[in-house]
Amino acid sequence: MITSLDELTPAARTVALRFLDTAAAATEAELREQVVEGLTAELCERLAADATPDGVEAVAAGFGPIAEDLEDDPHGFLGRLGAGVKFDDLAGRIARTWWNPADERYFVPRAFGWGWDLNVGAVAVRLGLIEPDAEAVPFTATPDAAFKAAAAVPLALGAAVGLHYIVRGRSLPARLPSHWAFDGRPDRWISKPSAAITDLGITSVAAGAAAWAATTDREGSQRAGVLAGATLAGGLAASTALVRGLAKPRGWAAPLGVFAASAAVAGVLYGLAKAGRDAEIARDLG
């Protein structure tokens, strides 16, 4: 018996997660959460920490027809489009979804809303940057110093946006773009004060959230999720402020901004996970 699927080996946990994804796919949306929670509890009741992938499949097969769908849907994508609009433990779900090196899938059901998120942890494993079992539970061993260092990213983005409007505010036109067409040309406009309030407001909230995550005593996954979300929001707001101020429309500017913000999130999560791994190694070596 185990208390959490995180106690399984990475390979066995992947099989268990696929089974749960398939079970959710075959369930009505309003009952999905209850079914997954119930099946998770049953799996923990019947499995040991040293269970093999074949052993997990054997236990899953005992639940009935749901397990048979694993062969037709090995990645658990059918019908499972995300967590929906749920705010409970949102930060923790973001961290576990965006960074899960033990899960070999690159695209996983979204932590919030419907669709798929990129599993940065799987990409890091593929690139050889980290091991799939780097931490038994990601971010649990990450030291406070690493969280404080990661908070510097959203804080710096907020400061950069503030400096942008201080230095360039007077030279910017009275109307600034608020939306761009596919060719990079603005097709909607907003007043300069409104644009400044929007950009500065988003980055300020992101910086405040990052400061909270750097100093709170909440569990590591929640702190990492807040920092990842704050970095993404701050990065997108900062890139938007920069694109607004371009003298000529550039079709590559907006995609480049999204990529840069996403890369910053990946860097933050990797840095936190690597710090946690190093802390575990240092602890094990005494």
Protein backbone atom coordinates (compact mmCIF):
# COMPACT_ATOMS: atom_id res chain seq x y z
CA MET A 1 0.00 0.00 0.00
CA ILE A 2 1.18 3.52 -0.80
CA THR A 3 -0.18 6.92 0.13
CA SER A 4 0.50 8.65 -3.19
CA LEU A 5 1.28 7.69 -6.78
CA ASP A 6 4.45 9.75 -6.41
CA GLU A 7 5.88 6.84 -4.42
CA LEU A 8 5.93 4.67 -7.56
CA THR A 9 8.87 4.49 -9.92
CA PRO A 10 8.67 6.91 -12.87
CA ALA A 11 7.79 4.13 -15.34
CA ALA A 12 5.09 2.66 -13.10
CA ARG A 13 3.67 6.11 -12.32
CA THR A 14 3.41 6.87 -16.05
CA VAL A 15 1.28 3.74 -16.55
CA ALA A 16 -0.93 4.71 -13.62
CA LEU A 17 -1.41 8.26 -14.93
CA ARG A 18 -2.33 6.96 -18.37
CA PHE A 19 -4.92 4.69 -16.81
CA LEU A 20 -6.42 7.61 -14.89
CA ASP A 21 -6.46 9.76 -18.05
CA THR A 22 -8.36 7.04 -19.90
CA ALA A 23 -10.78 6.61 -16.99
CA ALA A 24 -11.47 10.35 -17.05
CA ALA A 25 -12.05 10.22 -20.80
CA ALA A 26 -14.83 7.66 -20.35
CA THR A 27 -16.56 9.64 -17.61
CA GLU A 28 -19.11 12.44 -17.66
CA ALA A 29 -17.43 15.80 -17.13
CA GLU A 30 -19.25 16.55 -13.89
CA LEU A 31 -18.23 13.18 -12.40
CA ARG A 32 -14.69 13.10 -13.75
CA GLU A 33 -12.96 14.48 -10.69
CA GLN A 34 -14.72 12.12 -8.31
CA VAL A 35 -13.98 9.09 -10.49
CA VAL A 36 -10.29 9.95 -10.81
CA GLU A 37 -9.97 10.55 -7.07
CA GLY A 38 -11.68 7.24 -6.31
CA LEU A 39 -9.53 5.28 -8.76
CA THR A 40 -6.39 6.96 -7.43
CA ALA A 41 -7.29 5.92 -3.90
CA GLU A 42 -7.92 2.34 -5.09
CA LEU A 43 -4.60 2.22 -6.93
CA CYS A 44 -2.76 3.44 -3.83
CA GLU A 45 -4.57 0.79 -1.78
CA ARG A 46 -3.57 -2.06 -4.11
CA LEU A 47 -0.05 -1.05 -5.16
CA ALA A 48 3.30 -1.16 -3.42
CA ALA A 49 6.11 1.34 -3.93
CA ASP A 50 8.13 -1.23 -5.88
CA ALA A 51 5.30 -2.08 -8.29
CA THR A 52 6.42 -2.64 -11.87
CA PRO A 53 4.68 -1.13 -14.93
CA ASP A 54 3.25 -4.58 -15.71
CA GLY A 55 2.02 -4.84 -12.16
CA VAL A 56 0.25 -1.49 -12.43
CA GLU A 57 -1.39 -2.60 -15.68
CA ALA A 58 -2.54 -5.80 -14.02
CA VAL A 59 -4.11 -3.90 -11.13
CA ALA A 60 -5.72 -1.42 -13.53
CA ALA A 61 -7.15 -4.27 -15.60
CA GLY A 62 -9.02 -5.43 -12.53
CA PHE A 63 -11.18 -2.32 -12.59
CA GLY A 64 -13.00 -3.47 -15.72
CA PRO A 65 -13.44 -2.15 -19.29
CA ILE A 66 -11.79 1.20 -18.57
CA ALA A 67 -8.38 -0.41 -18.44
CA GLU A 68 -8.91 -2.05 -21.84
CA ASP A 69 -8.90 1.38 -23.45
CA LEU A 70 -5.22 1.76 -22.62
CA GLU A 71 -4.27 -0.21 -25.72
CA ASP A 72 -6.35 2.02 -28.00
CA ASP A 73 -5.41 5.23 -26.21
CA PRO A 74 -1.90 4.80 -24.80
CA HIS A 75 -1.42 8.51 -24.16
CA GLY A 76 -4.75 9.09 -22.47
CA PHE A 77 -5.76 11.99 -24.71
CA LEU A 78 -9.28 10.89 -25.68
CA GLY A 79 -11.84 13.15 -24.15
CA ARG A 80 -9.43 14.47 -21.54
CA LEU A 81 -8.92 18.14 -22.36
CA GLY A 82 -7.82 19.52 -19.05
CA ALA A 83 -8.81 20.30 -15.50
CA GLY A 84 -11.56 22.75 -16.47
CA VAL A 85 -12.19 25.92 -14.52
CA LYS A 86 -11.05 24.82 -11.06
CA PHE A 87 -9.22 27.14 -8.69
CA ASP A 88 -8.49 24.70 -5.87
CA ASP A 89 -4.73 24.05 -5.62
CA LEU A 90 -4.29 25.85 -8.95
CA ALA A 91 -0.65 26.73 -8.28
CA GLY A 92 0.19 23.16 -7.37
CA ARG A 93 -1.53 21.82 -10.49
CA ILE A 94 0.39 24.30 -12.65
CA ALA A 95 3.70 23.11 -11.21
CA ARG A 96 2.82 19.42 -11.53
CA THR A 97 1.53 19.88 -15.08
CA TRP A 98 4.23 22.15 -16.51
CA TRP A 99 7.05 20.26 -14.80
CA ASN A 100 6.72 16.48 -14.58
CA PRO A 101 9.94 14.81 -15.78
CA ALA A 102 8.63 11.41 -14.66
CA ASP A 103 5.89 11.64 -17.31
CA GLU A 104 7.27 11.00 -20.80
CA ARG A 105 4.41 12.85 -22.51
CA TYR A 106 5.30 16.24 -23.98
CA PHE A 107 1.72 17.50 -24.05
CA VAL A 108 -0.54 16.85 -21.07
CA PRO A 109 -4.08 17.95 -20.13
CA ARG A 110 -4.13 21.57 -19.06
CA ALA A 111 -3.79 22.59 -15.45
CA PHE A 112 -6.53 25.17 -15.95
CA GLY A 113 -9.14 25.23 -18.69
CA TRP A 114 -9.31 22.84 -21.62
CA GLY A 115 -6.62 21.83 -24.07
CA TRP A 116 -3.03 20.76 -23.57
CA ASP A 117 0.00 22.23 -21.83
CA LEU A 118 3.63 21.58 -22.63
CA ASN A 119 5.33 19.35 -20.08
CA VAL A 120 8.63 21.20 -19.78
CA GLY A 121 9.98 18.45 -17.55
CA ALA A 122 9.68 15.88 -20.33
CA VAL A 123 11.48 18.25 -22.72
CA ALA A 124 14.28 18.70 -20.18
CA VAL A 125 14.66 14.93 -19.88
CA ARG A 126 14.74 14.60 -23.66
CA LEU A 127 17.50 17.22 -23.86
CA GLY A 128 19.48 15.45 -21.17
CA LEU A 129 19.23 18.38 -18.76
CA ILE A 130 17.71 16.38 -15.90
CA GLU A 131 16.87 12.79 -14.99
CA PRO A 132 13.25 11.58 -15.01
CA ASP A 133 13.55 10.68 -11.33
CA ALA A 134 15.54 13.79 -10.37
CA GLU A 135 13.26 14.36 -7.38
CA ALA A 136 10.80 11.89 -5.90
CA VAL A 137 8.32 14.76 -5.70
CA PRO A 138 9.43 17.86 -7.64
CA PHE A 139 10.21 21.03 -5.68
CA THR A 140 9.92 19.41 -2.24
CA ALA A 141 13.66 19.75 -1.59
CA THR A 142 14.12 23.08 -3.38
CA PRO A 143 15.76 25.51 -0.92
CA ASP A 144 14.34 28.91 -0.07
CA ALA A 145 17.29 30.61 -1.75
CA ALA A 146 16.26 29.12 -5.10
CA PHE A 147 12.68 30.37 -4.76
CA LYS A 148 13.97 33.84 -3.92
CA ALA A 149 16.28 33.79 -6.93
CA ALA A 150 13.42 32.71 -9.21
CA ALA A 151 11.26 35.56 -7.90
CA ALA A 152 13.81 37.97 -9.32
CA VAL A 153 12.57 37.20 -12.84
CA PRO A 154 8.99 38.57 -12.46
CA LEU A 155 10.32 41.40 -10.32
CA ALA A 156 12.81 42.37 -13.03
CA LEU A 157 10.10 42.20 -15.69
CA GLY A 158 7.90 44.54 -13.66
CA ALA A 159 10.78 46.96 -13.21
CA ALA A 160 11.55 46.82 -16.94
CA VAL A 161 7.98 47.71 -17.89
CA GLY A 162 7.96 50.59 -15.41
CA LEU A 163 11.25 51.87 -16.79
CA HIS A 164 9.92 51.52 -20.34
CA TYR A 165 7.01 53.87 -19.68
CA ILE A 166 9.13 56.28 -17.64
CA VAL A 167 11.78 56.62 -20.35
CA ARG A 168 9.63 56.32 -23.47
CA GLY A 169 6.26 57.44 -22.16
CA ARG A 170 6.31 60.94 -23.60
CA SER A 171 7.57 59.83 -27.00
CA LEU A 172 4.91 57.15 -27.45
CA PRO A 173 1.85 58.06 -29.55
CA ALA A 174 -1.46 58.87 -27.89
CA ARG A 175 -2.95 55.60 -29.17
CA LEU A 176 -1.18 52.27 -28.85
CA PRO A 177 -2.06 48.88 -30.34
CA SER A 178 -4.11 46.46 -28.26
CA HIS A 179 -4.50 43.68 -30.85
CA TRP A 180 -2.59 42.57 -33.91
CA ALA A 181 -3.57 40.71 -37.08
CA PHE A 182 -1.68 37.67 -38.33
CA ASP A 183 0.65 39.84 -40.40
CA GLY A 184 1.65 41.83 -37.33
CA ARG A 185 -0.35 44.92 -38.19
CA PRO A 186 -2.41 46.48 -35.36
CA ASP A 187 -6.16 46.24 -35.86
CA ARG A 188 -7.34 47.51 -32.47
CA TRP A 189 -6.18 50.46 -30.43
CA ILE A 190 -6.08 51.68 -26.85
CA SER A 191 -5.16 55.00 -25.26
CA LYS A 192 -1.64 55.38 -23.92
CA PRO A 193 -2.74 55.78 -20.27
CA SER A 194 -4.93 52.66 -20.52
CA ALA A 195 -2.09 50.68 -22.09
CA ALA A 196 0.31 51.77 -19.36
CA ILE A 197 -2.17 50.91 -16.60
CA THR A 198 -2.80 47.47 -18.12
CA ASP A 199 0.85 46.56 -18.64
CA LEU A 200 2.01 47.95 -15.31
CA GLY A 201 -0.95 46.39 -13.50
CA ILE A 202 -0.25 42.90 -14.80
CA THR A 203 3.46 43.03 -14.11
CA SER A 204 2.87 44.53 -10.65
CA VAL A 205 0.48 41.72 -9.69
CA ALA A 206 2.94 39.17 -11.08
CA ALA A 207 5.80 40.74 -9.09
CA GLY A 208 3.69 40.74 -5.93
CA ALA A 209 2.79 37.07 -6.40
CA ALA A 210 6.45 36.23 -6.95
CA ALA A 211 7.44 38.08 -3.78
CA TRP A 212 4.82 36.09 -1.86
CA ALA A 213 6.09 32.79 -3.28
CA ALA A 214 9.65 33.71 -2.33
CA THR A 215 8.77 34.28 1.33
CA THR A 216 5.86 31.97 2.13
CA ASP A 217 6.19 28.64 3.92
CA ARG A 218 3.75 26.84 1.61
CA GLU A 219 4.80 23.55 -0.01
CA GLY A 220 7.27 23.67 -2.87
CA SER A 221 4.87 22.80 -5.68
CA GLN A 222 2.58 25.72 -4.81
CA ARG A 223 5.49 28.15 -4.64
CA ALA A 224 6.86 26.86 -7.95
CA GLY A 225 3.44 27.11 -9.60
CA VAL A 226 2.98 30.72 -8.47
CA LEU A 227 6.46 31.64 -9.71
CA ALA A 228 5.85 29.95 -13.06
CA GLY A 229 2.50 31.70 -13.53
CA ALA A 230 3.94 35.05 -12.43
CA THR A 231 6.85 34.68 -14.85
CA LEU A 232 4.51 33.87 -17.74
CA ALA A 233 2.16 36.78 -16.98
CA GLY A 234 5.01 39.22 -16.46
CA GLY A 235 6.80 38.04 -19.60
CA LEU A 236 3.71 38.37 -21.78
CA ALA A 237 2.92 41.84 -20.39
CA ALA A 238 6.51 42.98 -20.87
CA SER A 239 6.64 41.72 -24.45
CA THR A 240 3.28 43.39 -25.16
CA ALA A 241 4.58 46.71 -23.85
CA LEU A 242 7.63 46.37 -26.07
CA VAL A 243 5.61 45.49 -29.18
CA ARG A 244 3.23 48.41 -28.52
CA GLY A 245 6.15 50.80 -28.80
CA LEU A 246 7.50 49.54 -32.14
CA ALA A 247 7.54 52.28 -34.77
CA LYS A 248 6.66 49.80 -37.51
CA PRO A 249 4.63 46.57 -37.23
CA ARG A 250 6.72 43.42 -37.17
CA GLY A 251 5.01 40.11 -37.83
CA TRP A 252 7.62 38.22 -35.84
CA ALA A 253 7.47 40.43 -32.75
CA ALA A 254 4.42 38.92 -31.02
CA PRO A 255 5.40 35.24 -31.58
CA LEU A 256 8.90 36.05 -30.40
CA GLY A 257 7.49 37.63 -27.25
CA VAL A 258 5.38 34.55 -26.49
CA PHE A 259 8.39 32.31 -27.05
CA ALA A 260 10.57 34.45 -24.79
CA ALA A 261 7.98 34.39 -21.99
CA SER A 262 7.60 30.62 -22.31
CA ALA A 263 11.37 30.16 -22.30
CA ALA A 264 11.57 32.22 -19.11
CA VAL A 265 9.00 29.94 -17.45
CA ALA A 266 10.95 26.86 -18.55
CA GLY A 267 14.14 28.36 -17.15
CA VAL A 268 12.51 29.14 -13.80
CA LEU A 269 11.07 25.62 -13.42
CA TYR A 270 14.32 23.99 -14.48
CA GLY A 271 16.31 26.13 -12.06
CA LEU A 272 14.00 25.28 -9.16
CA ALA A 273 14.04 21.56 -9.99
CA LYS A 274 17.82 21.51 -10.42
CA ALA A 275 18.28 23.27 -7.08
CA GLY A 276 16.01 20.70 -5.46
CA ARG A 277 17.99 17.85 -7.02
CA ASP A 278 21.28 19.32 -5.85
CA ALA A 279 19.85 19.75 -2.34
CA GLU A 280 18.76 16.10 -2.29
CA ILE A 281 22.20 14.93 -3.40
CA ALA A 282 23.89 17.05 -0.76
CA ARG A 283 21.53 15.70 1.90
CA ASP A 284 22.05 12.07 0.84
CA LEU A 285 25.82 12.51 0.91
CA GLY A 286 25.63 14.00 4.37
